[in-house]
PDB file of N, CA and C in Angstrom:
ATOM      1  N   MET A   1      14.848 -15.559 -18.043  1.00  0.00           N
ATOM      2  CA  MET A   1      14.091 -15.079 -16.611  1.00  0.00           C
ATOM      3  C   MET A   1      13.313 -13.570 -15.954  1.00  0.00           C
ATOM      4  N   PRO A   2      12.072 -14.041 -15.313  1.00  0.00           N
ATOM      5  CA  PRO A   2      10.824 -12.823 -15.130  1.00  0.00           C
ATOM      6  C   PRO A   2      12.117 -11.728 -14.827  1.00  0.00           C
ATOM      7  N   ARG A   3      10.890 -10.249 -15.088  1.00  0.00           N
ATOM      8  CA  ARG A   3      11.954  -9.213 -15.169  1.00  0.00           C
ATOM      9  C   ARG A   3      11.193  -8.566 -13.956  1.00  0.00           C
ATOM     10  N   TYR A   4       9.827  -9.068 -13.861  1.00  0.00           N
ATOM     11  CA  TYR A   4       8.971  -8.775 -12.506  1.00  0.00           C
ATOM     12  C   TYR A   4       8.147  -9.784 -11.354  1.00  0.00           C
ATOM     13  N   ALA A   5       8.691  -9.355 -10.215  1.00  0.00           N
ATOM     14  CA  ALA A   5       8.072 -10.585  -9.297  1.00  0.00           C
ATOM     15  C   ALA A   5       7.235  -9.516  -8.322  1.00  0.00           C
ATOM     16  N   ARG A   6       6.306 -10.587  -8.059  1.00  0.00           N
ATOM     17  CA  ARG A   6       5.051  -9.774  -6.614  1.00  0.00           C
ATOM     18  C   ARG A   6       5.091 -10.992  -5.945  1.00  0.00           C
ATOM     19  N   LEU A   7       4.861 -10.708  -4.474  1.00  0.00           N
ATOM     20  CA  LEU A   7       5.093 -10.997  -3.292  1.00  0.00           C
ATOM     21  C   LEU A   7       4.475 -10.908  -2.452  1.00  0.00           C
ATOM     22  N   GLU A   8       3.688 -12.067  -1.880  1.00  0.00           N
ATOM     23  CA  GLU A   8       2.788 -11.826  -1.429  1.00  0.00           C
ATOM     24  C   GLU A   8       3.108 -12.024   0.583  1.00  0.00           C
ATOM     25  N   CYS A   9       2.477 -11.150   1.311  1.00  0.00           N
ATOM     26  CA  CYS A   9       3.209 -11.202   3.238  1.00  0.00           C
ATOM     27  C   CYS A   9       1.952 -12.597   3.097  1.00  0.00           C
ATOM     28  N   PRO A  10       2.224 -13.470   4.160  1.00  0.00           N
ATOM     29  CA  PRO A  10       1.731 -14.602   4.665  1.00  0.00           C
ATOM     30  C   PRO A  10       0.437 -14.240   5.656  1.00  0.00           C
ATOM     31  N   ASP A  11       0.205 -12.981   5.718  1.00  0.00           N
ATOM     32  CA  ASP A  11      -1.045 -12.523   6.656  1.00  0.00           C
ATOM     33  C   ASP A  11      -1.599 -11.485   5.841  1.00  0.00           C
ATOM     34  N   GLY A  12      -2.726 -10.965   5.983  1.00  0.00           N
ATOM     35  CA  GLY A  12      -3.085  -9.834   5.497  1.00  0.00           C
ATOM     36  C   GLY A  12      -3.140 -10.088   3.811  1.00  0.00           C
ATOM     37  N   GLU A  13      -3.363  -8.800   3.181  1.00  0.00           N
ATOM     38  CA  GLU A  13      -3.293  -8.721   1.873  1.00  0.00           C
ATOM     39  C   GLU A  13      -2.134  -7.668   1.112  1.00  0.00           C
ATOM     40  N   ALA A  14      -1.205  -7.616   1.935  1.00  0.00           N
ATOM     41  CA  ALA A  14      -0.127  -6.716   1.598  1.00  0.00           C
ATOM     42  C   ALA A  14       1.141  -7.235   0.318  1.00  0.00           C
ATOM     43  N   THR A  15       0.961  -7.011  -0.779  1.00  0.00           N
ATOM     44  CA  THR A  15       2.046  -7.289  -1.543  1.00  0.00           C
ATOM     45  C   THR A  15       3.346  -6.050  -1.618  1.00  0.00           C
ATOM     46  N   LEU A  16       4.354  -7.062  -2.190  1.00  0.00           N
ATOM     47  CA  LEU A  16       5.734  -6.162  -2.761  1.00  0.00           C
ATOM     48  C   LEU A  16       5.748  -6.782  -4.016  1.00  0.00           C
ATOM     49  N   SER A  17       6.231  -5.555  -4.645  1.00  0.00           N
ATOM     50  CA  SER A  17       6.646  -5.620  -6.186  1.00  0.00           C
ATOM     51  C   SER A  17       8.194  -5.603  -6.472  1.00  0.00           C
ATOM     52  N   ILE A  18       8.744  -6.461  -7.301  1.00  0.00           N
ATOM     53  CA  ILE A  18       9.956  -5.675  -7.168  1.00  0.00           C
ATOM     54  C   ILE A  18       9.980  -5.819  -9.413  1.00  0.00           C
ATOM     55  N   HIS A  19      10.826  -4.692  -9.954  1.00  0.00           N
ATOM     56  CA  HIS A  19      11.022  -4.843 -10.829  1.00  0.00           C
ATOM     57  C   HIS A  19      11.740  -4.760 -11.767  1.00  0.00           C
ATOM     58  N   PHE A  20      12.878  -5.766 -12.145  1.00  0.00           N
ATOM     59  CA  PHE A  20      14.414  -5.871 -12.988  1.00  0.00           C
ATOM     60  C   PHE A  20      13.972  -4.605 -13.928  1.00  0.00           C
ATOM     61  N   THR A  21      15.340  -3.765 -13.819  1.00  0.00           N
ATOM     62  CA  THR A  21      15.931  -2.469 -14.850  1.00  0.00           C
ATOM     63  C   THR A  21      17.129  -2.754 -15.214  1.00  0.00           C
ATOM     64  N   GLU A  22      17.502  -2.757 -15.996  1.00  0.00           N
ATOM     65  CA  GLU A  22      18.860  -2.704 -16.912  1.00  0.00           C
ATOM     66  C   GLU A  22      20.046  -1.727 -16.317  1.00  0.00           C
ATOM     67  N   THR A  23      19.619  -0.348 -16.268  1.00  0.00           N
ATOM     68  CA  THR A  23      20.530   0.499 -15.069  1.00  0.00           C
ATOM     69  C   THR A  23      19.741   1.170 -14.605  1.00  0.00           C
ATOM     70  N   ILE A  24      19.972   1.919 -13.547  1.00  0.00           N
ATOM     71  CA  ILE A  24      19.478   2.910 -12.041  1.00  0.00           C
ATOM     72  C   ILE A  24      19.636   4.178 -12.587  1.00  0.00           C
ATOM     73  N   SER A  25      18.595   4.783 -12.236  1.00  0.00           N
ATOM     74  CA  SER A  25      18.639   6.271 -12.957  1.00  0.00           C
ATOM     75  C   SER A  25      19.344   7.034 -11.443  1.00  0.00           C
ATOM     76  N   THR A  26      19.584   7.968 -12.326  1.00  0.00           N
ATOM     77  CA  THR A  26      20.153   8.862 -11.095  1.00  0.00           C
ATOM     78  C   THR A  26      18.785   9.550 -10.656  1.00  0.00           C
ATOM     79  N   GLY A  27      17.919   9.950 -11.082  1.00  0.00           N
ATOM     80  CA  GLY A  27      16.623  10.790 -10.375  1.00  0.00           C
ATOM     81  C   GLY A  27      16.071   9.832  -9.149  1.00  0.00           C
ATOM     82  N   ASN A  28      14.704  10.215  -9.285  1.00  0.00           N
ATOM     83  CA  ASN A  28      14.166   9.551  -8.072  1.00  0.00           C
ATOM     84  C   ASN A  28      13.549   7.914  -8.351  1.00  0.00           C
ATOM     85  N   ASN A  29      13.891   7.135  -7.504  1.00  0.00           N
ATOM     86  CA  ASN A  29      13.766   5.744  -8.133  1.00  0.00           C
ATOM     87  C   ASN A  29      12.124   5.289  -7.497  1.00  0.00           C
ATOM     88  N   ILE A  30      12.380   6.185  -6.126  1.00  0.00           N
ATOM     89  CA  ILE A  30      10.659   5.479  -5.794  1.00  0.00           C
ATOM     90  C   ILE A  30       9.669   5.395  -6.391  1.00  0.00           C
ATOM     91  N   THR A  31       8.942   4.736  -5.936  1.00  0.00           N
ATOM     92  CA  THR A  31       7.505   4.944  -6.373  1.00  0.00           C
ATOM     93  C   THR A  31       6.657   4.334  -5.335  1.00  0.00           C
ATOM     94  N   LEU A  32       5.115   4.654  -4.470  1.00  0.00           N
ATOM     95  CA  LEU A  32       5.118   4.206  -4.179  1.00  0.00           C
ATOM     96  C   LEU A  32       3.417   3.703  -4.728  1.00  0.00           C
ATOM     97  N   TYR A  33       2.940   2.733  -4.416  1.00  0.00           N
ATOM     98  CA  TYR A  33       1.348   2.345  -4.542  1.00  0.00           C
ATOM     99  C   TYR A  33      -0.381   1.922  -4.078  1.00  0.00           C
ATOM    100  N   PHE A  34      -0.871   2.884  -3.782  1.00  0.00           N
ATOM    101  CA  PHE A  34      -2.279   3.129  -3.034  1.00  0.00           C
ATOM    102  C   PHE A  34      -2.671   2.211  -3.625  1.00  0.00           C
ATOM    103  N   GLU A  35      -4.261   1.423  -3.228  1.00  0.00           N
ATOM    104  CA  GLU A  35      -4.978   0.343  -3.957  1.00  0.00           C
ATOM    105  C   GLU A  35      -6.293   1.333  -3.718  1.00  0.00           C
ATOM    106  N   ASP A  36      -7.420   1.714  -4.020  1.00  0.00           N
ATOM    107  CA  ASP A  36      -8.503   2.102  -3.405  1.00  0.00           C
ATOM    108  C   ASP A  36      -9.605   1.832  -4.406  1.00  0.00           C
ATOM    109  N   GLU A  37     -10.693   1.160  -3.732  1.00  0.00           N
ATOM    110  CA  GLU A  37     -11.163   0.807  -4.794  1.00  0.00           C
ATOM    111  C   GLU A  37     -12.408   1.379  -5.519  1.00  0.00           C
ATOM    112  N   ASN A  38     -12.497   2.737  -4.695  1.00  0.00           N
ATOM    113  CA  ASN A  38     -13.130   3.754  -5.392  1.00  0.00           C
ATOM    114  C   ASN A  38     -12.378   4.707  -5.771  1.00  0.00           C
ATOM    115  N   LEU A  39     -11.222   4.347  -6.734  1.00  0.00           N
ATOM    116  CA  LEU A  39     -10.148   5.228  -7.328  1.00  0.00           C
ATOM    117  C   LEU A  39     -11.187   6.182  -7.799  1.00  0.00           C
ATOM    118  N   ASP A  40     -12.131   6.737  -8.541  1.00  0.00           N
ATOM    119  CA  ASP A  40     -12.561   7.532  -9.128  1.00  0.00           C
ATOM    120  C   ASP A  40     -12.632   8.648  -8.364  1.00  0.00           C
ATOM    121  N   VAL A  41     -13.911   7.924  -6.875  1.00  0.00           N
ATOM    122  CA  VAL A  41     -14.073   9.056  -6.034  1.00  0.00           C
ATOM    123  C   VAL A  41     -13.017  10.251  -5.360  1.00  0.00           C
ATOM    124  N   LEU A  42     -11.812   8.859  -4.552  1.00  0.00           N
ATOM    125  CA  LEU A  42     -10.695   9.266  -4.613  1.00  0.00           C
ATOM    126  C   LEU A  42     -10.498  10.849  -5.358  1.00  0.00           C
ATOM    127  N   VAL A  43     -10.191  10.433  -6.124  1.00  0.00           N
ATOM    128  CA  VAL A  43      -9.380  11.115  -7.537  1.00  0.00           C
ATOM    129  C   VAL A  43      -9.853  12.801  -7.448  1.00  0.00           C
ATOM    130  N   GLU A  44     -11.517  12.535  -7.625  1.00  0.00           N
ATOM    131  CA  GLU A  44     -12.308  13.819  -7.506  1.00  0.00           C
ATOM    132  C   GLU A  44     -11.933  14.136  -5.935  1.00  0.00           C
ATOM    133  N   LYS A  45     -11.784  13.624  -4.995  1.00  0.00           N
ATOM    134  CA  LYS A  45     -12.116  14.311  -3.340  1.00  0.00           C
ATOM    135  C   LYS A  45     -10.455  15.370  -3.708  1.00  0.00           C
ATOM    136  N   LEU A  46      -9.238  14.467  -4.173  1.00  0.00           N
ATOM    137  CA  LEU A  46      -8.290  14.898  -4.121  1.00  0.00           C
ATOM    138  C   LEU A  46      -8.280  16.387  -5.032  1.00  0.00           C
ATOM    139  N   GLN A  47      -9.084  15.505  -6.099  1.00  0.00           N
ATOM    140  CA  GLN A  47      -9.261  17.098  -7.161  1.00  0.00           C
ATOM    141  C   GLN A  47      -9.606  18.428  -6.248  1.00  0.00           C
ATOM    142  N   VAL A  48     -10.841  18.252  -5.382  1.00  0.00           N
ATOM    143  CA  VAL A  48     -11.458  19.053  -5.019  1.00  0.00           C
ATOM    144  C   VAL A  48     -10.404  20.093  -3.699  1.00  0.00           C
ATOM    145  N   LYS A  49      -9.667  19.544  -3.297  1.00  0.00           N
ATOM    146  CA  LYS A  49      -8.821  19.755  -2.370  1.00  0.00           C
ATOM    147  C   LYS A  49      -7.069  20.079  -3.073  1.00  0.00           C
ATOM    148  N   GLY A  50      -7.381  20.516  -4.167  1.00  0.00           N
ATOM    149  CA  GLY A  50      -6.850  21.443  -5.480  1.00  0.00           C
ATOM    150  C   GLY A  50      -4.676  20.896  -5.585  1.00  0.00           C
ATOM    151  N   ILE A  51      -5.192  19.518  -5.123  1.00  0.00           N
ATOM    152  CA  ILE A  51      -4.246  18.364  -5.682  1.00  0.00           C
ATOM    153  C   ILE A  51      -3.749  18.301  -6.892  1.00  0.00           C
ATOM    154  N   THR A  52      -3.199  18.373  -7.783  1.00  0.00           N
ATOM    155  CA  THR A  52      -2.162  17.946  -9.079  1.00  0.00           C
ATOM    156  C   THR A  52      -2.292  16.664  -9.355  1.00  0.00           C
ATOM    157  N   LEU A  53      -2.732  16.037 -10.144  1.00  0.00           N
ATOM    158  CA  LEU A  53      -2.614  14.591 -10.536  1.00  0.00           C
ATOM    159  C   LEU A  53      -2.138  14.613 -12.068  1.00  0.00           C
ATOM    160  N   ASN A  54      -0.615  14.023 -12.655  1.00  0.00           N
ATOM    161  CA  ASN A  54      -0.296  13.820 -13.359  1.00  0.00           C
ATOM    162  C   ASN A  54      -1.171  13.033 -14.735  1.00  0.00           C
ATOM    163  N   GLN A  55      -1.799  11.805 -14.287  1.00  0.00           N
ATOM    164  CA  GLN A  55      -2.584  11.219 -15.195  1.00  0.00           C
ATOM    165  C   GLN A  55      -3.773  10.826 -13.773  1.00  0.00           C
ATOM    166  N   LEU A  56      -5.035  11.404 -14.717  1.00  0.00           N
ATOM    167  CA  LEU A  56      -6.608  10.594 -14.453  1.00  0.00           C
ATOM    168  C   LEU A  56      -6.238   9.519 -14.552  1.00  0.00           C
ATOM    169  N   PRO A  57      -7.451   8.739 -13.856  1.00  0.00           N
ATOM    170  CA  PRO A  57      -7.586   7.731 -13.513  1.00  0.00           C
ATOM    171  C   PRO A  57      -7.825   6.776 -15.321  1.00  0.00           C
ATOM    172  N   LYS A  58      -6.399   5.818 -15.468  1.00  0.00           N
ATOM    173  CA  LYS A  58      -6.324   5.544 -17.261  1.00  0.00           C
ATOM    174  C   LYS A  58      -7.102   3.911 -16.612  1.00  0.00           C
ATOM    175  N   ASP A  59      -7.718   3.079 -17.807  1.00  0.00           N
ATOM    176  CA  ASP A  59      -7.539   1.380 -17.773  1.00  0.00           C
ATOM    177  C   ASP A  59      -5.868   1.602 -18.611  1.00  0.00           C
ATOM    178  N   GLU A  60      -5.063   1.038 -17.754  1.00  0.00           N
ATOM    179  CA  GLU A  60      -3.508  -0.046 -17.962  1.00  0.00           C
ATOM    180  C   GLU A  60      -4.194  -1.532 -18.669  1.00  0.00           C
ATOM    181  N   ALA A  61      -2.387  -1.480 -19.852  1.00  0.00           N
ATOM    182  CA  ALA A  61      -2.652  -3.120 -20.461  1.00  0.00           C
ATOM    183  C   ALA A  61      -2.891  -3.826 -19.452  1.00  0.00           C
ATOM    184  N   TRP A  62      -2.189  -3.831 -17.616  1.00  0.00           N
ATOM    185  CA  TRP A  62      -1.954  -4.628 -17.248  1.00  0.00           C
ATOM    186  C   TRP A  62      -3.012  -4.931 -16.381  1.00  0.00           C
ATOM    187  N   LEU A  63      -3.906  -4.221 -16.800  1.00  0.00           N
ATOM    188  CA  LEU A  63      -5.257  -4.854 -16.473  1.00  0.00           C
ATOM    189  C   LEU A  63      -5.693  -4.112 -15.031  1.00  0.00           C
ATOM    190  N   TRP A  64      -5.097  -2.786 -14.680  1.00  0.00           N
ATOM    191  CA  TRP A  64      -5.447  -2.197 -13.571  1.00  0.00           C
ATOM    192  C   TRP A  64      -5.569  -0.720 -14.251  1.00  0.00           C
ATOM    193  N   LYS A  65      -6.379   0.142 -12.975  1.00  0.00           N
ATOM    194  CA  LYS A  65      -6.730   0.857 -13.523  1.00  0.00           C
ATOM    195  C   LYS A  65      -6.172   1.913 -12.621  1.00  0.00           C
ATOM    196  N   GLU A  66      -4.843   3.741 -13.305  1.00  0.00           N
ATOM    197  CA  GLU A  66      -4.602   4.079 -12.460  1.00  0.00           C
ATOM    198  C   GLU A  66      -4.410   5.919 -12.404  1.00  0.00           C
ATOM    199  N   ALA A  67      -4.029   6.254 -11.950  1.00  0.00           N
ATOM    200  CA  ALA A  67      -3.179   7.073 -11.619  1.00  0.00           C
ATOM    201  C   ALA A  67      -2.726   7.837 -11.145  1.00  0.00           C
ATOM    202  N   LYS A  68      -2.045   9.398 -11.839  1.00  0.00           N
ATOM    203  CA  LYS A  68      -0.706   9.522 -11.404  1.00  0.00           C
ATOM    204  C   LYS A  68      -0.364  10.654 -10.887  1.00  0.00           C
ATOM    205  N   LEU A  69       0.880  10.885  -9.470  1.00  0.00           N
ATOM    206  CA  LEU A  69       0.829  12.327  -9.048  1.00  0.00           C
ATOM    207  C   LEU A  69       2.145  11.869  -8.121  1.00  0.00           C
ATOM    208  N   GLN A  70       2.461  13.001  -7.529  1.00  0.00           N
ATOM    209  CA  GLN A  70       3.329  13.113  -6.438  1.00  0.00           C
ATOM    210  C   GLN A  70       4.000  13.687  -5.722  1.00  0.00           C
ATOM    211  N   ASP A  71       4.175  13.538  -5.252  1.00  0.00           N
ATOM    212  CA  ASP A  71       4.052  13.900  -3.480  1.00  0.00           C
ATOM    213  C   ASP A  71       5.079  15.755  -3.472  1.00  0.00           C
ATOM    214  N   PRO A  72       5.094  16.427  -2.471  1.00  0.00           N
ATOM    215  CA  PRO A  72       5.921  17.380  -2.418  1.00  0.00           C
ATOM    216  C   PRO A  72       7.707  17.412  -2.357  1.00  0.00           C
ATOM    217  N   ASP A  73       7.922  16.091  -2.383  1.00  0.00           N
ATOM    218  CA  ASP A  73       9.295  15.498  -2.118  1.00  0.00           C
ATOM    219  C   ASP A  73       9.628  15.251  -3.799  1.00  0.00           C
ATOM    220  N   GLY A  74       8.590  14.616  -4.466  1.00  0.00           N
ATOM    221  CA  GLY A  74       9.086  14.178  -6.331  1.00  0.00           C
ATOM    222  C   GLY A  74       8.950  13.070  -6.234  1.00  0.00           C
ATOM    223  N   ASN A  75       8.457  12.426  -5.053  1.00  0.00           N
ATOM    224  CA  ASN A  75       8.143  10.804  -5.127  1.00  0.00           C
ATOM    225  C   ASN A  75       7.612  10.422  -6.041  1.00  0.00           C
ATOM    226  N   ASN A  76       7.057   9.454  -6.826  1.00  0.00           N
ATOM    227  CA  ASN A  76       6.028   9.006  -7.747  1.00  0.00           C
ATOM    228  C   ASN A  76       5.078   8.218  -6.872  1.00  0.00           C
ATOM    229  N   ILE A  77       3.681   8.716  -6.812  1.00  0.00           N
ATOM    230  CA  ILE A  77       2.931   8.085  -6.330  1.00  0.00           C
ATOM    231  C   ILE A  77       1.281   7.211  -7.100  1.00  0.00           C
ATOM    232  N   ILE A  78       1.404   6.362  -6.911  1.00  0.00           N
ATOM    233  CA  ILE A  78       0.210   5.779  -8.097  1.00  0.00           C
ATOM    234  C   ILE A  78      -0.915   5.233  -7.149  1.00  0.00           C
ATOM    235  N   LEU A  79      -2.152   5.738  -7.443  1.00  0.00           N
ATOM    236  CA  LEU A  79      -2.985   5.396  -7.047  1.00  0.00           C
ATOM    237  C   LEU A  79      -3.931   4.622  -7.837  1.00  0.00           C
ATOM    238  N   PHE A  80      -4.654   3.118  -7.385  1.00  0.00           N
ATOM    239  CA  PHE A  80      -4.582   2.319  -8.185  1.00  0.00           C
ATOM    240  C   PHE A  80      -6.155   1.635  -8.113  1.00  0.00           C
ATOM    241  N   LYS A  81      -6.766   0.532  -9.181  1.00  0.00           N
ATOM    242  CA  LYS A  81      -7.743  -0.043  -8.634  1.00  0.00           C
ATOM    243  C   LYS A  81      -7.476  -1.487  -9.572  1.00  0.00           C
ATOM    244  N   ALA A  82      -7.327  -2.817  -9.083  1.00  0.00           N
ATOM    245  CA  ALA A  82      -6.810  -3.615  -9.460  1.00  0.00           C
ATOM    246  C   ALA A  82      -7.926  -4.813  -9.391  1.00  0.00           C
ATOM    247  N   GLY A  83      -8.376  -4.630  -7.628  1.00  0.00           N
ATOM    248  CA  GLY A  83      -9.075  -6.308  -7.770  1.00  0.00           C
ATOM    249  C   GLY A  83      -8.378  -6.987  -8.040  1.00  0.00           C
ATOM    250  N   GLU A  84      -8.964  -8.146  -8.247  1.00  0.00           N
ATOM    251  CA  GLU A  84      -8.702  -9.585  -8.258  1.00  0.00           C
ATOM    252  C   GLU A  84      -7.314  -9.557  -9.083  1.00  0.00           C
ATOM    253  N   ASP A  85      -7.183  -8.799 -10.287  1.00  0.00           N
ATOM    254  CA  ASP A  85      -5.951  -9.138 -11.276  1.00  0.00           C
ATOM    255  C   ASP A  85      -4.849  -8.294 -10.152  1.00  0.00           C
ATOM    256  N   ARG A  86      -4.781  -7.671  -8.970  1.00  0.00           N
ATOM    257  CA  ARG A  86      -3.827  -7.645  -8.526  1.00  0.00           C
ATOM    258  C   ARG A  86      -2.524  -8.677  -8.132  1.00  0.00           C
ATOM    259  N   LYS A  87      -3.457  -9.792  -7.201  1.00  0.00           N
ATOM    260  CA  LYS A  87      -2.881 -10.695  -6.955  1.00  0.00           C
ATOM    261  C   LYS A  87      -2.779 -12.044  -7.909  1.00  0.00           C
ATOM    262  N   ASN A  88      -4.062 -12.254  -8.787  1.00  0.00           N
ATOM    263  CA  ASN A  88      -4.445 -13.319  -9.621  1.00  0.00           C
ATOM    264  C   ASN A  88      -4.387 -12.701 -10.638  1.00  0.00           C
ATOM    265  N   PRO A  89      -3.146 -12.078 -11.364  1.00  0.00           N
ATOM    266  CA  PRO A  89      -3.223 -11.624 -13.039  1.00  0.00           C
ATOM    267  C   PRO A  89      -3.511 -12.730 -13.983  1.00  0.00           C
ATOM    268  N   PRO A  90      -3.954 -12.848 -14.870  1.00  0.00           N
ATOM    269  CA  PRO A  90      -4.178 -14.003 -15.991  1.00  0.00           C
ATOM    270  C   PRO A  90      -2.794 -14.820 -16.488  1.00  0.00           C
ATOM    271  N   TRP A  91      -1.848 -13.937 -16.479  1.00  0.00           N
ATOM    272  CA  TRP A  91      -0.081 -14.557 -16.548  1.00  0.00           C
ATOM    273  C   TRP A  91       0.335 -14.616 -15.255  1.00  0.00           C
ATOM    274  N   ARG A  92      -0.298 -15.259 -14.476  1.00  0.00           N
ATOM    275  CA  ARG A  92       0.160 -15.512 -12.682  1.00  0.00           C
ATOM    276  C   ARG A  92       0.448 -16.624 -13.532  1.00  0.00           C
ATOM    277  N   ILE A  93       1.968 -17.128 -12.550  1.00  0.00           N
ATOM    278  CA  ILE A  93       2.763 -18.256 -12.641  1.00  0.00           C
ATOM    279  C   ILE A  93       2.354 -19.156 -11.026  1.00  0.00           C
ATOM    280  N   ASN A  94       2.558 -19.700 -11.013  1.00  0.00           N
ATOM    281  CA  ASN A  94       1.867 -20.858  -9.777  1.00  0.00           C
ATOM    282  C   ASN A  94       3.238 -21.154  -9.115  1.00  0.00           C
TER     283      ASN A  94
END
């Protein structure tokens, strides 16, 4: 059984991803993703404003480039650039 699913909205480019986990943690489980085609520029702008990132932009194994931070309430935020691989990665099941 797949452990991950990406659902596409019928109109527009929005998607919703669901990831299976064996256990439910008692901590913060919310992670919000925001895509930006100019990720490196966005990160530089945030740093100039004094926003601290937990991870600078990094190329990940799933073909996305991601930067990570938390909002003031401790919610995880991932800023990413995926391009065509967001909706059509090489491992996609049709």
